[in-house]
Amino acid sequence: MNTTQTLPWDVTEHLQTQEDIAAYLEAALEEGDPELIIVALKDIARCQKMKQIIEQNNKQNDRVYQALLTDNNLDFATILKALKMFGLRLQAIVI
């Protein structure tokens, strides 16, 4: 019997642009699952662009980044701060 070899896949390797990040988060938001949204935010925090923000030694950004990596129950204020750091915002649309 043939075996299938699989390789690890990391979404952060595919979040290259702000548009990629926005599309990824929008897909998570469309699902409407709070846990999935938190996972998406954590994935975005791990991507290269977030690391560059943290390297700028901004203490508030560092606290938000640490919360994203460690907390599984983020408050809405932290989510809004994270979106601002990512250069994103929430937008309401009629469905």
N, C-alpha and C. Protein backbone atom coordinates (compact mmCIF):
# COMPACT_ATOMS: atom_id res chain seq x y z
N MET A 1 0.84 -1.18 0.00
CA MET A 1 0.00 0.00 0.00
C MET A 1 0.88 1.24 0.00
N ASN A 2 0.55 2.19 -0.86
CA ASN A 2 1.29 3.44 -0.93
C ASN A 2 0.91 4.34 0.23
N THR A 3 1.89 5.03 0.76
CA THR A 3 1.61 5.99 1.83
C THR A 3 1.74 7.40 1.26
N THR A 4 0.98 8.28 1.81
CA THR A 4 1.01 9.67 1.39
C THR A 4 1.84 10.45 2.39
N GLN A 5 2.81 11.16 1.87
CA GLN A 5 3.65 12.00 2.73
C GLN A 5 3.01 13.38 2.83
N THR A 6 2.87 13.86 4.03
CA THR A 6 2.34 15.20 4.24
C THR A 6 3.40 16.10 4.84
N LEU A 7 3.26 17.36 4.60
CA LEU A 7 4.19 18.34 5.12
C LEU A 7 3.44 19.34 5.99
N PRO A 8 4.09 19.90 6.98
CA PRO A 8 3.43 20.91 7.80
C PRO A 8 3.03 22.11 6.94
N TRP A 9 1.87 22.70 7.25
CA TRP A 9 1.39 23.87 6.53
C TRP A 9 1.16 24.98 7.54
N ASP A 10 1.70 26.12 7.27
CA ASP A 10 1.56 27.26 8.18
C ASP A 10 0.98 28.43 7.39
N VAL A 11 -0.20 28.85 7.78
CA VAL A 11 -0.89 29.92 7.07
C VAL A 11 -0.07 31.20 7.04
N THR A 12 0.74 31.43 8.06
CA THR A 12 1.48 32.70 8.12
C THR A 12 2.48 32.83 6.98
N GLU A 13 2.87 31.73 6.38
CA GLU A 13 3.76 31.78 5.22
C GLU A 13 3.03 32.34 4.00
N HIS A 14 1.71 32.38 4.05
CA HIS A 14 0.92 32.83 2.91
C HIS A 14 0.28 34.20 3.15
N LEU A 15 0.52 34.77 4.31
CA LEU A 15 0.00 36.11 4.62
C LEU A 15 1.09 37.13 4.30
N GLN A 16 1.26 37.39 3.02
CA GLN A 16 2.36 38.24 2.57
C GLN A 16 2.01 39.72 2.50
N THR A 17 0.75 40.04 2.24
CA THR A 17 0.35 41.44 2.05
C THR A 17 -0.78 41.79 3.02
N GLN A 18 -1.05 43.06 3.13
CA GLN A 18 -2.18 43.51 3.95
C GLN A 18 -3.49 42.95 3.39
N GLU A 19 -3.56 42.84 2.08
CA GLU A 19 -4.76 42.30 1.46
C GLU A 19 -4.94 40.83 1.82
N ASP A 20 -3.84 40.07 1.87
CA ASP A 20 -3.90 38.66 2.28
C ASP A 20 -4.42 38.55 3.71
N ILE A 21 -3.88 39.39 4.57
CA ILE A 21 -4.26 39.37 5.98
C ILE A 21 -5.73 39.74 6.14
N ALA A 22 -6.15 40.79 5.43
CA ALA A 22 -7.55 41.22 5.52
C ALA A 22 -8.49 40.13 5.00
N ALA A 23 -8.14 39.48 3.92
CA ALA A 23 -8.99 38.42 3.36
C ALA A 23 -9.08 37.24 4.30
N TYR A 24 -7.97 36.89 4.93
CA TYR A 24 -7.94 35.78 5.88
C TYR A 24 -8.84 36.08 7.08
N LEU A 25 -8.72 37.27 7.63
CA LEU A 25 -9.54 37.65 8.77
C LEU A 25 -11.01 37.76 8.37
N GLU A 26 -11.28 38.30 7.20
CA GLU A 26 -12.66 38.41 6.73
C GLU A 26 -13.31 37.03 6.60
N ALA A 27 -12.56 36.06 6.10
CA ALA A 27 -13.10 34.70 5.98
C ALA A 27 -13.44 34.14 7.36
N ALA A 28 -12.58 34.40 8.34
CA ALA A 28 -12.85 33.93 9.70
C ALA A 28 -14.08 34.63 10.28
N LEU A 29 -14.20 35.92 10.04
CA LEU A 29 -15.35 36.67 10.54
C LEU A 29 -16.65 36.17 9.91
N GLU A 30 -16.59 35.83 8.63
CA GLU A 30 -17.79 35.36 7.94
C GLU A 30 -18.30 34.05 8.53
N GLU A 31 -17.41 33.24 9.06
CA GLU A 31 -17.83 31.98 9.69
C GLU A 31 -18.63 32.24 10.96
N GLY A 32 -18.34 33.35 11.63
CA GLY A 32 -19.09 33.71 12.83
C GLY A 32 -18.72 32.94 14.08
N ASP A 33 -17.63 32.20 14.05
CA ASP A 33 -17.19 31.41 15.21
C ASP A 33 -16.13 32.21 15.97
N PRO A 34 -16.44 32.65 17.20
CA PRO A 34 -15.47 33.46 17.96
C PRO A 34 -14.11 32.78 18.13
N GLU A 35 -14.10 31.48 18.34
CA GLU A 35 -12.83 30.78 18.52
C GLU A 35 -11.99 30.81 17.23
N LEU A 36 -12.65 30.69 16.09
CA LEU A 36 -11.94 30.75 14.81
C LEU A 36 -11.37 32.15 14.58
N ILE A 37 -12.11 33.16 14.98
CA ILE A 37 -11.63 34.54 14.83
C ILE A 37 -10.39 34.76 15.68
N ILE A 38 -10.39 34.24 16.90
CA ILE A 38 -9.22 34.37 17.78
C ILE A 38 -8.03 33.63 17.18
N VAL A 39 -8.26 32.45 16.64
CA VAL A 39 -7.17 31.70 15.99
C VAL A 39 -6.62 32.50 14.82
N ALA A 40 -7.50 33.10 14.03
CA ALA A 40 -7.04 33.91 12.90
C ALA A 40 -6.21 35.10 13.37
N LEU A 41 -6.65 35.77 14.44
CA LEU A 41 -5.88 36.89 14.98
C LEU A 41 -4.51 36.42 15.47
N LYS A 42 -4.47 35.26 16.10
CA LYS A 42 -3.19 34.72 16.57
C LYS A 42 -2.28 34.38 15.38
N ASP A 43 -2.87 33.84 14.33
CA ASP A 43 -2.08 33.53 13.13
C ASP A 43 -1.50 34.81 12.54
N ILE A 44 -2.32 35.84 12.48
CA ILE A 44 -1.86 37.11 11.93
C ILE A 44 -0.74 37.68 12.80
N ALA A 45 -0.88 37.55 14.12
CA ALA A 45 0.16 38.05 15.03
C ALA A 45 1.48 37.35 14.80
N ARG A 46 1.42 36.09 14.40
CA ARG A 46 2.66 35.33 14.18
C ARG A 46 3.32 35.65 12.85
N CYS A 47 2.63 36.28 11.96
CA CYS A 47 3.20 36.51 10.63
C CYS A 47 4.31 37.56 10.67
N GLN A 48 5.06 37.62 9.64
CA GLN A 48 6.26 38.47 9.57
C GLN A 48 5.97 39.93 9.83
N LYS A 49 4.89 40.45 9.34
CA LYS A 49 4.61 41.87 9.51
C LYS A 49 4.42 42.24 10.98
N MET A 50 3.82 41.34 11.77
CA MET A 50 3.64 41.61 13.19
C MET A 50 4.99 41.65 13.90
N LYS A 51 5.88 40.76 13.53
CA LYS A 51 7.21 40.75 14.14
C LYS A 51 7.92 42.07 13.90
N GLN A 52 7.74 42.63 12.72
CA GLN A 52 8.36 43.92 12.42
C GLN A 52 7.78 45.03 13.29
N ILE A 53 6.48 44.98 13.56
CA ILE A 53 5.86 45.99 14.42
C ILE A 53 6.45 45.91 15.82
N ILE A 54 6.59 44.69 16.34
CA ILE A 54 7.11 44.51 17.70
C ILE A 54 8.57 44.97 17.79
N GLU A 55 9.34 44.79 16.72
CA GLU A 55 10.74 45.21 16.73
C GLU A 55 10.88 46.72 16.87
N GLN A 56 9.80 47.45 16.66
CA GLN A 56 9.85 48.91 16.81
C GLN A 56 9.81 49.33 18.26
N ASN A 57 9.79 48.35 19.20
CA ASN A 57 9.82 48.61 20.65
C ASN A 57 8.64 49.44 21.15
N ASN A 58 7.47 49.21 20.61
CA ASN A 58 6.28 49.88 21.10
C ASN A 58 5.71 49.02 22.22
N LYS A 59 5.70 49.53 23.46
CA LYS A 59 5.29 48.76 24.64
C LYS A 59 3.83 48.31 24.55
N GLN A 60 2.94 49.20 24.07
CA GLN A 60 1.53 48.82 23.96
C GLN A 60 1.37 47.69 22.94
N ASN A 61 2.04 47.79 21.81
CA ASN A 61 1.97 46.72 20.81
C ASN A 61 2.50 45.42 21.37
N ASP A 62 3.55 45.49 22.17
CA ASP A 62 4.12 44.28 22.76
C ASP A 62 3.11 43.61 23.69
N ARG A 63 2.38 44.41 24.49
CA ARG A 63 1.37 43.84 25.39
C ARG A 63 0.24 43.18 24.61
N VAL A 64 -0.19 43.82 23.55
CA VAL A 64 -1.27 43.25 22.72
C VAL A 64 -0.77 41.97 22.06
N TYR A 65 0.44 42.00 21.54
CA TYR A 65 1.03 40.82 20.90
C TYR A 65 1.10 39.66 21.89
N GLN A 66 1.56 39.92 23.10
CA GLN A 66 1.65 38.87 24.11
C GLN A 66 0.26 38.33 24.46
N ALA A 67 -0.74 39.21 24.55
CA ALA A 67 -2.10 38.76 24.83
C ALA A 67 -2.60 37.86 23.71
N LEU A 68 -2.31 38.22 22.47
CA LEU A 68 -2.74 37.39 21.34
C LEU A 68 -2.12 36.00 21.39
N LEU A 69 -0.88 35.94 21.81
CA LEU A 69 -0.19 34.65 21.84
C LEU A 69 -0.57 33.79 23.03
N THR A 70 -1.00 34.42 24.13
CA THR A 70 -1.21 33.64 25.35
C THR A 70 -2.66 33.51 25.77
N ASP A 71 -3.49 34.50 25.49
CA ASP A 71 -4.88 34.49 25.96
C ASP A 71 -5.79 33.80 24.95
N ASN A 72 -6.69 32.97 25.43
CA ASN A 72 -7.67 32.35 24.56
C ASN A 72 -9.03 33.03 24.68
N ASN A 73 -9.15 33.98 25.59
CA ASN A 73 -10.40 34.69 25.79
C ASN A 73 -10.10 36.19 25.75
N LEU A 74 -9.87 36.69 24.56
CA LEU A 74 -9.49 38.09 24.40
C LEU A 74 -10.70 39.00 24.59
N ASP A 75 -10.47 40.15 25.24
CA ASP A 75 -11.55 41.10 25.35
C ASP A 75 -11.61 41.93 24.06
N PHE A 76 -12.74 42.58 23.87
CA PHE A 76 -12.97 43.29 22.62
C PHE A 76 -11.97 44.44 22.44
N ALA A 77 -11.59 45.09 23.53
CA ALA A 77 -10.62 46.19 23.44
C ALA A 77 -9.29 45.69 22.88
N THR A 78 -8.86 44.51 23.32
CA THR A 78 -7.60 43.94 22.81
C THR A 78 -7.73 43.61 21.33
N ILE A 79 -8.88 43.08 20.94
CA ILE A 79 -9.11 42.77 19.53
C ILE A 79 -9.04 44.04 18.68
N LEU A 80 -9.66 45.11 19.15
CA LEU A 80 -9.62 46.37 18.40
C LEU A 80 -8.19 46.92 18.32
N LYS A 81 -7.43 46.83 19.40
CA LYS A 81 -6.04 47.28 19.38
C LYS A 81 -5.21 46.45 18.41
N ALA A 82 -5.46 45.15 18.40
CA ALA A 82 -4.73 44.27 17.48
C ALA A 82 -5.05 44.63 16.04
N LEU A 83 -6.32 44.84 15.74
CA LEU A 83 -6.69 45.21 14.37
C LEU A 83 -6.00 46.50 13.95
N LYS A 84 -5.94 47.47 14.86
CA LYS A 84 -5.27 48.73 14.55
C LYS A 84 -3.79 48.50 14.27
N MET A 85 -3.15 47.65 15.07
CA MET A 85 -1.74 47.33 14.84
C MET A 85 -1.54 46.68 13.48
N PHE A 86 -2.49 45.85 13.07
CA PHE A 86 -2.39 45.15 11.79
C PHE A 86 -2.73 46.07 10.62
N GLY A 87 -3.17 47.30 10.92
CA GLY A 87 -3.56 48.21 9.86
C GLY A 87 -4.94 47.87 9.31
N LEU A 88 -5.80 47.29 10.16
CA LEU A 88 -7.13 46.86 9.75
C LEU A 88 -8.18 47.52 10.64
N ARG A 89 -9.43 47.44 10.23
CA ARG A 89 -10.53 47.90 11.07
C ARG A 89 -11.75 47.03 10.78
N LEU A 90 -12.65 46.99 11.72
CA LEU A 90 -13.90 46.27 11.52
C LEU A 90 -14.83 47.15 10.70
N GLN A 91 -15.64 46.53 9.88
CA GLN A 91 -16.59 47.27 9.07
C GLN A 91 -17.91 46.51 9.08
N ALA A 92 -18.98 47.22 9.31
CA ALA A 92 -20.31 46.60 9.29
C ALA A 92 -20.90 46.75 7.90
N ILE A 93 -21.44 45.64 7.39
CA ILE A 93 -22.12 45.68 6.10
C ILE A 93 -23.47 45.00 6.24
N VAL A 94 -24.38 45.37 5.41
CA VAL A 94 -25.71 44.76 5.42
C VAL A 94 -25.60 43.38 4.78
N ILE A 95 -26.20 42.39 5.46
CA ILE A 95 -26.16 41.04 4.89
C ILE A 95 -27.53 40.61 4.39
